Amino acid sequence: MAAWTKVMPERIVRRARPVSLTRGVLFINVTSSGWAQELHHMHDELLQRLREQVKGARIAALRFRVGPLPDALVRPRRPRPPPPPPPLEILPESVGRALAGVADDELRERIARAAAISLARMK
């Protein structure tokens, strides 16, 4: 059962969890009939993933049914690295003169940064 959370994508783990294994059939509760149908279409791929992860497991088939989800072993989320800073371009003199007329310092800096990023992306 623990292998399910390791090998399945998080979007599936949130909506489908195994509840029992009987005579080679792994019964999986899902949150809705739509999810049962979608996972039914993915049956072979899901079964292959489980068989690769759990060597020697005698899982012959998967059966999906709507029912309560048991608690899952929660995978710790890896924090995403921050995106790289956008490239900046030196603003043309005419833009600098136009920005000089903006009285609010913070607004002027934000406009200048946005313009610098935009110009860098155009190259």
PDB file of N, CA and C in Angstrom:
ATOM      1  N   MET A   1       0.831  -1.205   0.000  1.00  0.00           N
ATOM      2  CA  MET A   1       0.000   0.000   0.000  1.00  0.00           C
ATOM      3  C   MET A   1       0.868   1.259   0.000  1.00  0.00           C
ATOM      4  N   ALA A   2       1.993   1.218   0.737  1.00  0.00           N
ATOM      5  CA  ALA A   2       2.868   2.395   0.800  1.00  0.00           C
ATOM      6  C   ALA A   2       3.489   2.703  -0.556  1.00  0.00           C
ATOM      7  N   ALA A   3       3.661   1.697  -1.387  1.00  0.00           N
ATOM      8  CA  ALA A   3       4.264   1.912  -2.707  1.00  0.00           C
ATOM      9  C   ALA A   3       3.390   2.821  -3.565  1.00  0.00           C
ATOM     10  N   TRP A   4       2.095   2.823  -3.330  1.00  0.00           N
ATOM     11  CA  TRP A   4       1.173   3.647  -4.115  1.00  0.00           C
ATOM     12  C   TRP A   4       1.605   5.112  -4.087  1.00  0.00           C
ATOM     13  N   THR A   5       1.897   5.635  -2.886  1.00  0.00           N
ATOM     14  CA  THR A   5       2.264   7.050  -2.784  1.00  0.00           C
ATOM     15  C   THR A   5       3.631   7.327  -3.389  1.00  0.00           C
ATOM     16  N   LYS A   6       4.470   6.311  -3.496  1.00  0.00           N
ATOM     17  CA  LYS A   6       5.795   6.512  -4.074  1.00  0.00           C
ATOM     18  C   LYS A   6       5.764   6.554  -5.595  1.00  0.00           C
ATOM     19  N   VAL A   7       4.937   5.732  -6.208  1.00  0.00           N
ATOM     20  CA  VAL A   7       4.998   5.583  -7.665  1.00  0.00           C
ATOM     21  C   VAL A   7       3.926   6.354  -8.430  1.00  0.00           C
ATOM     22  N   MET A   8       2.897   6.803  -7.752  1.00  0.00           N
ATOM     23  CA  MET A   8       1.825   7.502  -8.460  1.00  0.00           C
ATOM     24  C   MET A   8       2.032   9.014  -8.389  1.00  0.00           C
ATOM     25  N   PRO A   9       1.620   9.716  -9.439  1.00  0.00           N
ATOM     26  CA  PRO A   9       1.684  11.176  -9.398  1.00  0.00           C
ATOM     27  C   PRO A   9       0.810  11.716  -8.263  1.00  0.00           C
ATOM     28  N   GLU A  10       1.181  12.860  -7.744  1.00  0.00           N
ATOM     29  CA  GLU A  10       0.461  13.437  -6.609  1.00  0.00           C
ATOM     30  C   GLU A  10      -1.017  13.671  -6.920  1.00  0.00           C
ATOM     31  N   ARG A  11      -1.327  14.039  -8.162  1.00  0.00           N
ATOM     32  CA  ARG A  11      -2.735  14.295  -8.501  1.00  0.00           C
ATOM     33  C   ARG A  11      -3.576  13.027  -8.365  1.00  0.00           C
ATOM     34  N   ILE A  12      -2.968  11.859  -8.574  1.00  0.00           N
ATOM     35  CA  ILE A  12      -3.689  10.597  -8.407  1.00  0.00           C
ATOM     36  C   ILE A  12      -3.759  10.223  -6.938  1.00  0.00           C
ATOM     37  N   VAL A  13      -2.664  10.389  -6.217  1.00  0.00           N
ATOM     38  CA  VAL A  13      -2.637  10.040  -4.789  1.00  0.00           C
ATOM     39  C   VAL A  13      -3.682  10.845  -4.020  1.00  0.00           C
ATOM     40  N   ARG A  14      -3.917  12.095  -4.434  1.00  0.00           N
ATOM     41  CA  ARG A  14      -4.925  12.915  -3.746  1.00  0.00           C
ATOM     42  C   ARG A  14      -6.335  12.395  -3.968  1.00  0.00           C
ATOM     43  N   ARG A  15      -6.553  11.613  -5.031  1.00  0.00           N
ATOM     44  CA  ARG A  15      -7.917  11.217  -5.388  1.00  0.00           C
ATOM     45  C   ARG A  15      -8.173   9.714  -5.399  1.00  0.00           C
ATOM     46  N   ALA A  16      -7.125   8.926  -5.195  1.00  0.00           N
ATOM     47  CA  ALA A  16      -7.295   7.472  -5.263  1.00  0.00           C
ATOM     48  C   ALA A  16      -6.288   6.799  -4.334  1.00  0.00           C
ATOM     49  N   ARG A  17      -6.785   5.832  -3.543  1.00  0.00           N
ATOM     50  CA  ARG A  17      -5.887   5.123  -2.624  1.00  0.00           C
ATOM     51  C   ARG A  17      -6.299   3.655  -2.524  1.00  0.00           C
ATOM     52  N   PRO A  18      -5.316   2.771  -2.444  1.00  0.00           N
ATOM     53  CA  PRO A  18      -5.624   1.348  -2.295  1.00  0.00           C
ATOM     54  C   PRO A  18      -6.222   1.069  -0.916  1.00  0.00           C
ATOM     55  N   VAL A  19      -7.172   0.134  -0.890  1.00  0.00           N
ATOM     56  CA  VAL A  19      -7.806  -0.222   0.387  1.00  0.00           C
ATOM     57  C   VAL A  19      -7.641  -1.693   0.735  1.00  0.00           C
ATOM     58  N   SER A  20      -7.499  -2.555  -0.285  1.00  0.00           N
ATOM     59  CA  SER A  20      -7.310  -3.976   0.024  1.00  0.00           C
ATOM     60  C   SER A  20      -6.756  -4.719  -1.188  1.00  0.00           C
ATOM     61  N   LEU A  21      -6.149  -5.854  -0.885  1.00  0.00           N
ATOM     62  CA  LEU A  21      -5.628  -6.742  -1.929  1.00  0.00           C
ATOM     63  C   LEU A  21      -6.235  -8.108  -1.679  1.00  0.00           C
ATOM     64  N   THR A  22      -7.065  -8.570  -2.614  1.00  0.00           N
ATOM     65  CA  THR A  22      -7.761  -9.844  -2.468  1.00  0.00           C
ATOM     66  C   THR A  22      -7.579 -10.674  -3.720  1.00  0.00           C
ATOM     67  N   ARG A  23      -6.981 -11.849  -3.558  1.00  0.00           N
ATOM     68  CA  ARG A  23      -6.756 -12.778  -4.672  1.00  0.00           C
ATOM     69  C   ARG A  23      -6.133 -12.100  -5.885  1.00  0.00           C
ATOM     70  N   GLY A  24      -5.142 -11.282  -5.635  1.00  0.00           N
ATOM     71  CA  GLY A  24      -4.427 -10.636  -6.732  1.00  0.00           C
ATOM     72  C   GLY A  24      -5.072  -9.382  -7.280  1.00  0.00           C
ATOM     73  N   VAL A  25      -6.206  -8.996  -6.733  1.00  0.00           N
ATOM     74  CA  VAL A  25      -6.890  -7.795  -7.196  1.00  0.00           C
ATOM     75  C   VAL A  25      -6.698  -6.700  -6.146  1.00  0.00           C
ATOM     76  N   LEU A  26      -6.094  -5.586  -6.565  1.00  0.00           N
ATOM     77  CA  LEU A  26      -5.905  -4.450  -5.677  1.00  0.00           C
ATOM     78  C   LEU A  26      -7.100  -3.520  -5.847  1.00  0.00           C
ATOM     79  N   PHE A  27      -7.877  -3.374  -4.775  1.00  0.00           N
ATOM     80  CA  PHE A  27      -9.051  -2.507  -4.796  1.00  0.00           C
ATOM     81  C   PHE A  27      -8.625  -1.106  -4.374  1.00  0.00           C
ATOM     82  N   ILE A  28      -9.046  -0.139  -5.176  1.00  0.00           N
ATOM     83  CA  ILE A  28      -8.630   1.246  -4.966  1.00  0.00           C
ATOM     84  C   ILE A  28      -9.872   2.116  -4.884  1.00  0.00           C
ATOM     85  N   ASN A  29      -9.998   2.824  -3.756  1.00  0.00           N
ATOM     86  CA  ASN A  29     -11.095   3.774  -3.622  1.00  0.00           C
ATOM     87  C   ASN A  29     -10.705   5.084  -4.281  1.00  0.00           C
ATOM     88  N   VAL A  30     -11.689   5.690  -4.950  1.00  0.00           N
ATOM     89  CA  VAL A  30     -11.479   6.962  -5.635  1.00  0.00           C
ATOM     90  C   VAL A  30     -12.539   7.958  -5.186  1.00  0.00           C
ATOM     91  N   THR A  31     -12.281   9.231  -5.447  1.00  0.00           N
ATOM     92  CA  THR A  31     -13.190  10.278  -4.977  1.00  0.00           C
ATOM     93  C   THR A  31     -14.455  10.436  -5.815  1.00  0.00           C
ATOM     94  N   SER A  32     -14.427   9.975  -7.067  1.00  0.00           N
ATOM     95  CA  SER A  32     -15.613  10.149  -7.914  1.00  0.00           C
ATOM     96  C   SER A  32     -15.629   9.102  -9.021  1.00  0.00           C
ATOM     97  N   SER A  33     -16.790   8.957  -9.641  1.00  0.00           N
ATOM     98  CA  SER A  33     -16.897   8.001 -10.739  1.00  0.00           C
ATOM     99  C   SER A  33     -16.057   8.449 -11.944  1.00  0.00           C
ATOM    100  N   GLY A  34     -15.903   9.745 -12.093  1.00  0.00           N
ATOM    101  CA  GLY A  34     -15.055  10.257 -13.176  1.00  0.00           C
ATOM    102  C   GLY A  34     -13.608   9.810 -12.999  1.00  0.00           C
ATOM    103  N   TRP A  35     -13.129   9.858 -11.770  1.00  0.00           N
ATOM    104  CA  TRP A  35     -11.768   9.395 -11.503  1.00  0.00           C
ATOM    105  C   TRP A  35     -11.664   7.885 -11.673  1.00  0.00           C
ATOM    106  N   ALA A  36     -12.695   7.164 -11.301  1.00  0.00           N
ATOM    107  CA  ALA A  36     -12.674   5.709 -11.493  1.00  0.00           C
ATOM    108  C   ALA A  36     -12.541   5.395 -12.977  1.00  0.00           C
ATOM    109  N   GLN A  37     -13.282   6.115 -13.794  1.00  0.00           N
ATOM    110  CA  GLN A  37     -13.225   5.878 -15.233  1.00  0.00           C
ATOM    111  C   GLN A  37     -11.859   6.257 -15.805  1.00  0.00           C
ATOM    112  N   GLU A  38     -11.324   7.406 -15.393  1.00  0.00           N
ATOM    113  CA  GLU A  38     -10.025   7.829 -15.906  1.00  0.00           C
ATOM    114  C   GLU A  38      -8.931   6.825 -15.523  1.00  0.00           C
ATOM    115  N   LEU A  39      -8.935   6.386 -14.283  1.00  0.00           N
ATOM    116  CA  LEU A  39      -7.914   5.438 -13.839  1.00  0.00           C
ATOM    117  C   LEU A  39      -8.108   4.065 -14.475  1.00  0.00           C
ATOM    118  N   HIS A  40      -9.344   3.709 -14.752  1.00  0.00           N
ATOM    119  CA  HIS A  40      -9.603   2.453 -15.460  1.00  0.00           C
ATOM    120  C   HIS A  40      -8.910   2.469 -16.824  1.00  0.00           C
ATOM    121  N   HIS A  41      -8.955   3.616 -17.503  1.00  0.00           N
ATOM    122  CA  HIS A  41      -8.290   3.738 -18.802  1.00  0.00           C
ATOM    123  C   HIS A  41      -6.763   3.687 -18.677  1.00  0.00           C
ATOM    124  N   MET A  42      -6.258   4.014 -17.482  1.00  0.00           N
ATOM    125  CA  MET A  42      -4.815   3.996 -17.240  1.00  0.00           C
ATOM    126  C   MET A  42      -4.371   2.687 -16.572  1.00  0.00           C
ATOM    127  N   HIS A  43      -5.270   1.724 -16.472  1.00  0.00           N
ATOM    128  CA  HIS A  43      -5.045   0.485 -15.731  1.00  0.00           C
ATOM    129  C   HIS A  43      -3.683  -0.154 -15.994  1.00  0.00           C
ATOM    130  N   ASP A  44      -3.374  -0.403 -17.244  1.00  0.00           N
ATOM    131  CA  ASP A  44      -2.132  -1.119 -17.568  1.00  0.00           C
ATOM    132  C   ASP A  44      -0.896  -0.344 -17.126  1.00  0.00           C
ATOM    133  N   GLU A  45      -0.906   0.953 -17.349  1.00  0.00           N
ATOM    134  CA  GLU A  45       0.240   1.786 -16.948  1.00  0.00           C
ATOM    135  C   GLU A  45       0.401   1.793 -15.427  1.00  0.00           C
ATOM    136  N   LEU A  46      -0.706   1.949 -14.700  1.00  0.00           N
ATOM    137  CA  LEU A  46      -0.647   1.975 -13.240  1.00  0.00           C
ATOM    138  C   LEU A  46      -0.180   0.633 -12.679  1.00  0.00           C
ATOM    139  N   LEU A  47      -0.699  -0.442 -13.251  1.00  0.00           N
ATOM    140  CA  LEU A  47      -0.312  -1.779 -12.802  1.00  0.00           C
ATOM    141  C   LEU A  47       1.180  -2.006 -13.035  1.00  0.00           C
ATOM    142  N   GLN A  48       1.662  -1.582 -14.173  1.00  0.00           N
ATOM    143  CA  GLN A  48       3.096  -1.718 -14.490  1.00  0.00           C
ATOM    144  C   GLN A  48       3.946  -0.963 -13.477  1.00  0.00           C
ATOM    145  N   ARG A  49       3.549   0.268 -13.142  1.00  0.00           N
ATOM    146  CA  ARG A  49       4.296   1.058 -12.157  1.00  0.00           C
ATOM    147  C   ARG A  49       4.372   0.332 -10.818  1.00  0.00           C
ATOM    148  N   LEU A  50       3.237  -0.215 -10.386  1.00  0.00           N
ATOM    149  CA  LEU A  50       3.225  -0.918  -9.098  1.00  0.00           C
ATOM    150  C   LEU A  50       4.089  -2.172  -9.134  1.00  0.00           C
ATOM    151  N   ARG A  51       3.993  -2.921 -10.198  1.00  0.00           N
ATOM    152  CA  ARG A  51       4.784  -4.155 -10.303  1.00  0.00           C
ATOM    153  C   ARG A  51       6.283  -3.853 -10.308  1.00  0.00           C
ATOM    154  N   GLU A  52       6.673  -2.771 -10.938  1.00  0.00           N
ATOM    155  CA  GLU A  52       8.090  -2.400 -10.958  1.00  0.00           C
ATOM    156  C   GLU A  52       8.578  -1.980  -9.579  1.00  0.00           C
ATOM    157  N   GLN A  53       7.733  -1.315  -8.821  1.00  0.00           N
ATOM    158  CA  GLN A  53       8.117  -0.836  -7.497  1.00  0.00           C
ATOM    159  C   GLN A  53       8.090  -1.943  -6.449  1.00  0.00           C
ATOM    160  N   VAL A  54       7.097  -2.807  -6.528  1.00  0.00           N
ATOM    161  CA  VAL A  54       6.925  -3.853  -5.516  1.00  0.00           C
ATOM    162  C   VAL A  54       7.256  -5.195  -6.158  1.00  0.00           C
ATOM    163  N   LYS A  55       8.523  -5.529  -6.128  1.00  0.00           N
ATOM    164  CA  LYS A  55       8.962  -6.800  -6.733  1.00  0.00           C
ATOM    165  C   LYS A  55       8.331  -7.968  -5.972  1.00  0.00           C
ATOM    166  N   GLY A  56       7.852  -8.924  -6.703  1.00  0.00           N
ATOM    167  CA  GLY A  56       7.258 -10.109  -6.096  1.00  0.00           C
ATOM    168  C   GLY A  56       5.807  -9.940  -5.682  1.00  0.00           C
ATOM    169  N   ALA A  57       5.270  -8.740  -5.829  1.00  0.00           N
ATOM    170  CA  ALA A  57       3.857  -8.545  -5.478  1.00  0.00           C
ATOM    171  C   ALA A  57       2.994  -9.273  -6.494  1.00  0.00           C
ATOM    172  N   ARG A  58       2.021  -9.934  -6.017  1.00  0.00           N
ATOM    173  CA  ARG A  58       1.134 -10.687  -6.912  1.00  0.00           C
ATOM    174  C   ARG A  58      -0.127  -9.892  -7.174  1.00  0.00           C
ATOM    175  N   ILE A  59       0.050  -8.809  -7.911  1.00  0.00           N
ATOM    176  CA  ILE A  59      -1.083  -7.962  -8.276  1.00  0.00           C
ATOM    177  C   ILE A  59      -1.421  -8.282  -9.722  1.00  0.00           C
ATOM    178  N   ALA A  60      -2.595  -8.871  -9.915  1.00  0.00           N
ATOM    179  CA  ALA A  60      -3.013  -9.255 -11.258  1.00  0.00           C
ATOM    180  C   ALA A  60      -3.877  -8.183 -11.910  1.00  0.00           C
ATOM    181  N   ALA A  61      -4.579  -7.410 -11.081  1.00  0.00           N
ATOM    182  CA  ALA A  61      -5.501  -6.422 -11.637  1.00  0.00           C
ATOM    183  C   ALA A  61      -5.775  -5.327 -10.618  1.00  0.00           C
ATOM    184  N   LEU A  62      -6.268  -4.218 -11.123  1.00  0.00           N
ATOM    185  CA  LEU A  62      -6.684  -3.097 -10.285  1.00  0.00           C
ATOM    186  C   LEU A  62      -8.177  -2.887 -10.483  1.00  0.00           C
ATOM    187  N   ARG A  63      -8.886  -2.617  -9.407  1.00  0.00           N
ATOM    188  CA  ARG A  63     -10.317  -2.324  -9.492  1.00  0.00           C
ATOM    189  C   ARG A  63     -10.567  -1.012  -8.779  1.00  0.00           C
ATOM    190  N   PHE A  64     -11.258  -0.108  -9.453  1.00  0.00           N
ATOM    191  CA  PHE A  64     -11.504   1.222  -8.923  1.00  0.00           C
ATOM    192  C   PHE A  64     -12.972   1.357  -8.549  1.00  0.00           C
ATOM    193  N   ARG A  65     -13.212   1.935  -7.370  1.00  0.00           N
ATOM    194  CA  ARG A  65     -14.594   2.129  -6.923  1.00  0.00           C
ATOM    195  C   ARG A  65     -14.657   3.400  -6.085  1.00  0.00           C
ATOM    196  N   VAL A  66     -15.790   4.054  -6.128  1.00  0.00           N
ATOM    197  CA  VAL A  66     -15.979   5.271  -5.356  1.00  0.00           C
ATOM    198  C   VAL A  66     -16.136   4.890  -3.888  1.00  0.00           C
ATOM    199  N   GLY A  67     -15.371   5.552  -3.036  1.00  0.00           N
ATOM    200  CA  GLY A  67     -15.448   5.271  -1.610  1.00  0.00           C
ATOM    201  C   GLY A  67     -14.522   6.191  -0.843  1.00  0.00           C
ATOM    202  N   PRO A  68     -14.583   6.099   0.490  1.00  0.00           N
ATOM    203  CA  PRO A  68     -13.730   6.968   1.309  1.00  0.00           C
ATOM    204  C   PRO A  68     -12.260   6.632   1.122  1.00  0.00           C
ATOM    205  N   LEU A  69     -11.438   7.646   1.102  1.00  0.00           N
ATOM    206  CA  LEU A  69     -10.004   7.440   0.946  1.00  0.00           C
ATOM    207  C   LEU A  69      -9.362   7.244   2.316  1.00  0.00           C
ATOM    208  N   PRO A  70      -8.598   6.169   2.462  1.00  0.00           N
ATOM    209  CA  PRO A  70      -7.857   6.022   3.715  1.00  0.00           C
ATOM    210  C   PRO A  70      -6.742   7.060   3.772  1.00  0.00           C
ATOM    211  N   ASP A  71      -6.246   7.295   4.971  1.00  0.00           N
ATOM    212  CA  ASP A  71      -5.131   8.231   5.101  1.00  0.00           C
ATOM    213  C   ASP A  71      -3.970   7.743   4.259  1.00  0.00           C
ATOM    214  N   ALA A  72      -3.300   8.698   3.626  1.00  0.00           N
ATOM    215  CA  ALA A  72      -2.148   8.362   2.786  1.00  0.00           C
ATOM    216  C   ALA A  72      -0.873   8.660   3.536  1.00  0.00           C
ATOM    217  N   LEU A  73       0.149   7.934   3.181  1.00  0.00           N
ATOM    218  CA  LEU A  73       1.465   8.290   3.673  1.00  0.00           C
ATOM    219  C   LEU A  73       1.869   9.525   2.887  1.00  0.00           C
ATOM    220  N   VAL A  74       2.014  10.622   3.558  1.00  0.00           N
ATOM    221  CA  VAL A  74       2.242  11.891   2.880  1.00  0.00           C
ATOM    222  C   VAL A  74       3.706  12.013   2.479  1.00  0.00           C
ATOM    223  N   ARG A  75       3.897  12.274   1.196  1.00  0.00           N
ATOM    224  CA  ARG A  75       5.240  12.538   0.695  1.00  0.00           C
ATOM    225  C   ARG A  75       5.613  13.959   1.064  1.00  0.00           C
ATOM    226  N   PRO A  76       6.810  14.147   1.608  1.00  0.00           N
ATOM    227  CA  PRO A  76       7.201  15.531   1.884  1.00  0.00           C
ATOM    228  C   PRO A  76       7.384  16.287   0.571  1.00  0.00           C
ATOM    229  N   ARG A  77       6.900  17.487   0.544  1.00  0.00           N
ATOM    230  CA  ARG A  77       7.038  18.303  -0.657  1.00  0.00           C
ATOM    231  C   ARG A  77       8.415  18.931  -0.684  1.00  0.00           C
ATOM    232  N   ARG A  78       9.041  18.803  -1.830  1.00  0.00           N
ATOM    233  CA  ARG A  78      10.325  19.472  -2.013  1.00  0.00           C
ATOM    234  C   ARG A  78      10.048  20.906  -2.412  1.00  0.00           C
ATOM    235  N   PRO A  79      10.662  21.849  -1.725  1.00  0.00           N
ATOM    236  CA  PRO A  79      10.422  23.238  -2.134  1.00  0.00           C
ATOM    237  C   PRO A  79      10.987  23.480  -3.520  1.00  0.00           C
ATOM    238  N   ARG A  80      10.234  24.201  -4.291  1.00  0.00           N
ATOM    239  CA  ARG A  80      10.696  24.537  -5.640  1.00  0.00           C
ATOM    240  C   ARG A  80      11.761  25.617  -5.544  1.00  0.00           C
ATOM    241  N   PRO A  81      12.796  25.468  -6.339  1.00  0.00           N
ATOM    242  CA  PRO A  81      13.806  26.533  -6.312  1.00  0.00           C
ATOM    243  C   PRO A  81      13.216  27.808  -6.902  1.00  0.00           C
ATOM    244  N   PRO A  82      13.658  28.947  -6.410  1.00  0.00           N
ATOM    245  CA  PRO A  82      13.114  30.192  -6.967  1.00  0.00           C
ATOM    246  C   PRO A  82      13.517  30.333  -8.429  1.00  0.00           C
ATOM    247  N   PRO A  83      12.667  30.957  -9.207  1.00  0.00           N
ATOM    248  CA  PRO A  83      13.010  31.126 -10.625  1.00  0.00           C
ATOM    249  C   PRO A  83      14.228  32.029 -10.755  1.00  0.00           C
ATOM    250  N   PRO A  84      14.990  31.851 -11.820  1.00  0.00           N
ATOM    251  CA  PRO A  84      16.146  32.726 -12.004  1.00  0.00           C
ATOM    252  C   PRO A  84      15.671  34.161 -12.225  1.00  0.00           C
ATOM    253  N   PRO A  85      16.474  35.117 -11.802  1.00  0.00           N
ATOM    254  CA  PRO A  85      16.047  36.505 -12.013  1.00  0.00           C
ATOM    255  C   PRO A  85      15.962  36.800 -13.503  1.00  0.00           C
ATOM    256  N   PRO A  86      14.973  37.578 -13.878  1.00  0.00           N
ATOM    257  CA  PRO A  86      14.838  37.887 -15.304  1.00  0.00           C
ATOM    258  C   PRO A  86      16.013  38.742 -15.770  1.00  0.00           C
ATOM    259  N   PRO A  87      16.388  38.580 -17.023  1.00  0.00           N
ATOM    260  CA  PRO A  87      17.484  39.412 -17.533  1.00  0.00           C
ATOM    261  C   PRO A  87      17.030  40.869 -17.620  1.00  0.00           C
ATOM    262  N   LEU A  88      17.959  41.764 -17.419  1.00  0.00           N
ATOM    263  CA  LEU A  88      17.645  43.194 -17.483  1.00  0.00           C
ATOM    264  C   LEU A  88      18.392  43.825 -18.652  1.00  0.00           C
ATOM    265  N   GLU A  89      17.832  44.882 -19.144  1.00  0.00           N
ATOM    266  CA  GLU A  89      18.440  45.634 -20.250  1.00  0.00           C
ATOM    267  C   GLU A  89      18.556  47.083 -19.791  1.00  0.00           C
ATOM    268  N   ILE A  90      19.601  47.733 -20.205  1.00  0.00           N
ATOM    269  CA  ILE A  90      19.756  49.147 -19.873  1.00  0.00           C
ATOM    270  C   ILE A  90      18.698  49.923 -20.649  1.00  0.00           C
ATOM    271  N   LEU A  91      18.019  50.791 -19.927  1.00  0.00           N
ATOM    272  CA  LEU A  91      16.933  51.545 -20.547  1.00  0.00           C
ATOM    273  C   LEU A  91      17.490  52.660 -21.447  1.00  0.00           C
ATOM    274  N   PRO A  92      16.821  52.893 -22.557  1.00  0.00           N
ATOM    275  CA  PRO A  92      17.230  54.005 -23.415  1.00  0.00           C
ATOM    276  C   PRO A  92      17.074  55.335 -22.665  1.00  0.00           C
ATOM    277  N   GLU A  93      17.834  56.291 -23.071  1.00  0.00           N
ATOM    278  CA  GLU A  93      17.821  57.602 -22.410  1.00  0.00           C
ATOM    279  C   GLU A  93      16.433  58.234 -22.434  1.00  0.00           C
ATOM    280  N   SER A  94      15.711  58.035 -23.526  1.00  0.00           N
ATOM    281  CA  SER A  94      14.373  58.643 -23.645  1.00  0.00           C
ATOM    282  C   SER A  94      13.408  58.063 -22.600  1.00  0.00           C
ATOM    283  N   VAL A  95      13.549  56.783 -22.300  1.00  0.00           N
ATOM    284  CA  VAL A  95      12.690  56.158 -21.282  1.00  0.00           C
ATOM    285  C   VAL A  95      13.064  56.702 -19.910  1.00  0.00           C
ATOM    286  N   GLY A  96      14.368  56.854 -19.673  1.00  0.00           N
ATOM    287  CA  GLY A  96      14.818  57.408 -18.402  1.00  0.00           C
ATOM    288  C   GLY A  96      14.276  58.812 -18.174  1.00  0.00           C
ATOM    289  N   ARG A  97      14.266  59.618 -19.211  1.00  0.00           N
ATOM    290  CA  ARG A  97      13.723  60.980 -19.090  1.00  0.00           C
ATOM    291  C   ARG A  97      12.226  60.931 -18.794  1.00  0.00           C
ATOM    292  N   ALA A  98      11.510  60.029 -19.473  1.00  0.00           N
ATOM    293  CA  ALA A  98      10.067  59.908 -19.231  1.00  0.00           C
ATOM    294  C   ALA A  98       9.795  59.447 -17.798  1.00  0.00           C
ATOM    295  N   LEU A  99      10.614  58.558 -17.305  1.00  0.00           N
ATOM    296  CA  LEU A  99      10.417  58.059 -15.943  1.00  0.00           C
ATOM    297  C   LEU A  99      10.727  59.124 -14.892  1.00  0.00           C
ATOM    298  N   ALA A 100      11.558  60.081 -15.232  1.00  0.00           N
ATOM    299  CA  ALA A 100      11.899  61.147 -14.288  1.00  0.00           C
ATOM    300  C   ALA A 100      10.654  61.937 -13.886  1.00  0.00           C
ATOM    301  N   GLY A 101       9.634  61.914 -14.732  1.00  0.00           N
ATOM    302  CA  GLY A 101       8.398  62.632 -14.422  1.00  0.00           C
ATOM    303  C   GLY A 101       7.477  61.887 -13.468  1.00  0.00           C
ATOM    304  N   VAL A 102       7.811  60.641 -13.113  1.00  0.00           N
ATOM    305  CA  VAL A 102       6.975  59.878 -12.179  1.00  0.00           C
ATOM    306  C   VAL A 102       7.411  60.255 -10.767  1.00  0.00           C
ATOM    307  N   ALA A 103       6.497  60.840 -10.000  1.00  0.00           N
ATOM    308  CA  ALA A 103       6.834  61.371  -8.674  1.00  0.00           C
ATOM    309  C   ALA A 103       7.066  60.269  -7.636  1.00  0.00           C
ATOM    310  N   ASP A 104       6.291  59.195  -7.689  1.00  0.00           N
ATOM    311  CA  ASP A 104       6.388  58.119  -6.690  1.00  0.00           C
ATOM    312  C   ASP A 104       7.634  57.272  -6.962  1.00  0.00           C
ATOM    313  N   ASP A 105       8.576  57.270  -5.999  1.00  0.00           N
ATOM    314  CA  ASP A 105       9.845  56.553  -6.177  1.00  0.00           C
ATOM    315  C   ASP A 105       9.637  55.056  -6.424  1.00  0.00           C
ATOM    316  N   GLU A 106       8.772  54.447  -5.623  1.00  0.00           N
ATOM    317  CA  GLU A 106       8.549  52.999  -5.761  1.00  0.00           C
ATOM    318  C   GLU A 106       7.924  52.669  -7.109  1.00  0.00           C
ATOM    319  N   LEU A 107       6.954  53.445  -7.505  1.00  0.00           N
ATOM    320  CA  LEU A 107       6.301  53.227  -8.798  1.00  0.00           C
ATOM    321  C   LEU A 107       7.308  53.418  -9.933  1.00  0.00           C
ATOM    322  N   ARG A 108       8.127  54.451  -9.851  1.00  0.00           N
ATOM    323  CA  ARG A 108       9.127  54.718 -10.885  1.00  0.00           C
ATOM    324  C   ARG A 108      10.089  53.524 -11.005  1.00  0.00           C
ATOM    325  N   GLU A 109      10.535  52.988  -9.870  1.00  0.00           N
ATOM    326  CA  GLU A 109      11.451  51.848  -9.897  1.00  0.00           C
ATOM    327  C   GLU A 109      10.790  50.602 -10.491  1.00  0.00           C
ATOM    328  N   ARG A 110       9.537  50.376 -10.154  1.00  0.00           N
ATOM    329  CA  ARG A 110       8.826  49.206 -10.703  1.00  0.00           C
ATOM    330  C   ARG A 110       8.624  49.325 -12.213  1.00  0.00           C
ATOM    331  N   ILE A 111       8.278  50.515 -12.666  1.00  0.00           N
ATOM    332  CA  ILE A 111       8.104  50.725 -14.107  1.00  0.00           C
ATOM    333  C   ILE A 111       9.435  50.520 -14.824  1.00  0.00           C
ATOM    334  N   ALA A 112      10.508  51.053 -14.251  1.00  0.00           N
ATOM    335  CA  ALA A 112      11.835  50.916 -14.870  1.00  0.00           C
ATOM    336  C   ALA A 112      12.236  49.446 -14.937  1.00  0.00           C
ATOM    337  N   ARG A 113      11.982  48.694 -13.872  1.00  0.00           N
ATOM    338  CA  ARG A 113      12.333  47.266 -13.856  1.00  0.00           C
ATOM    339  C   ARG A 113      11.522  46.502 -14.903  1.00  0.00           C
ATOM    340  N   ALA A 114      10.229  46.777 -14.968  1.00  0.00           N
ATOM    341  CA  ALA A 114       9.368  46.102 -15.953  1.00  0.00           C
ATOM    342  C   ALA A 114       9.832  46.423 -17.371  1.00  0.00           C
ATOM    343  N   ALA A 115      10.177  47.662 -17.617  1.00  0.00           N
ATOM    344  CA  ALA A 115      10.642  48.053 -18.951  1.00  0.00           C
ATOM    345  C   ALA A 115      11.969  47.363 -19.273  1.00  0.00           C
ATOM    346  N   ALA A 116      12.867  47.270 -18.295  1.00  0.00           N
ATOM    347  CA  ALA A 116      14.170  46.627 -18.511  1.00  0.00           C
ATOM    348  C   ALA A 116      14.004  45.139 -18.818  1.00  0.00           C
ATOM    349  N   ILE A 117      13.103  44.499 -18.110  1.00  0.00           N
ATOM    350  CA  ILE A 117      12.840  43.063 -18.369  1.00  0.00           C
ATOM    351  C   ILE A 117      12.228  42.882 -19.758  1.00  0.00           C
ATOM    352  N   SER A 118      11.265  43.728 -20.075  1.00  0.00           N
ATOM    353  CA  SER A 118      10.597  43.632 -21.380  1.00  0.00           C
ATOM    354  C   SER A 118      11.585  43.821 -22.529  1.00  0.00           C
ATOM    355  N   LEU A 119      12.442  44.802 -22.410  1.00  0.00           N
ATOM    356  CA  LEU A 119      13.418  45.056 -23.458  1.00  0.00           C
ATOM    357  C   LEU A 119      14.418  43.891 -23.592  1.00  0.00           C
ATOM    358  N   ALA A 120      14.797  43.293 -22.474  1.00  0.00           N
ATOM    359  CA  ALA A 120      15.734  42.147 -22.506  1.00  0.00           C
ATOM    360  C   ALA A 120      15.092  40.950 -23.191  1.00  0.00           C
ATOM    361  N   ARG A 121      13.811  40.751 -22.989  1.00  0.00           N
ATOM    362  CA  ARG A 121      13.120  39.599 -23.601  1.00  0.00           C
ATOM    363  C   ARG A 121      12.914  39.786 -25.098  1.00  0.00           C
ATOM    364  N   MET A 122      12.913  41.028 -25.550  1.00  0.00           N
ATOM    365  CA  MET A 122      12.718  41.293 -26.973  1.00  0.00           C
ATOM    366  C   MET A 122      13.955  40.968 -27.793  1.00  0.00           C
ATOM    367  N   LYS A 123      15.079  40.837 -27.136  1.00  0.00           N
ATOM    368  CA  LYS A 123      16.333  40.556 -27.864  1.00  0.00           C
ATOM    369  C   LYS A 123      16.426  39.110 -28.230  1.00  0.00           C
TER     370      LYS A 123
END
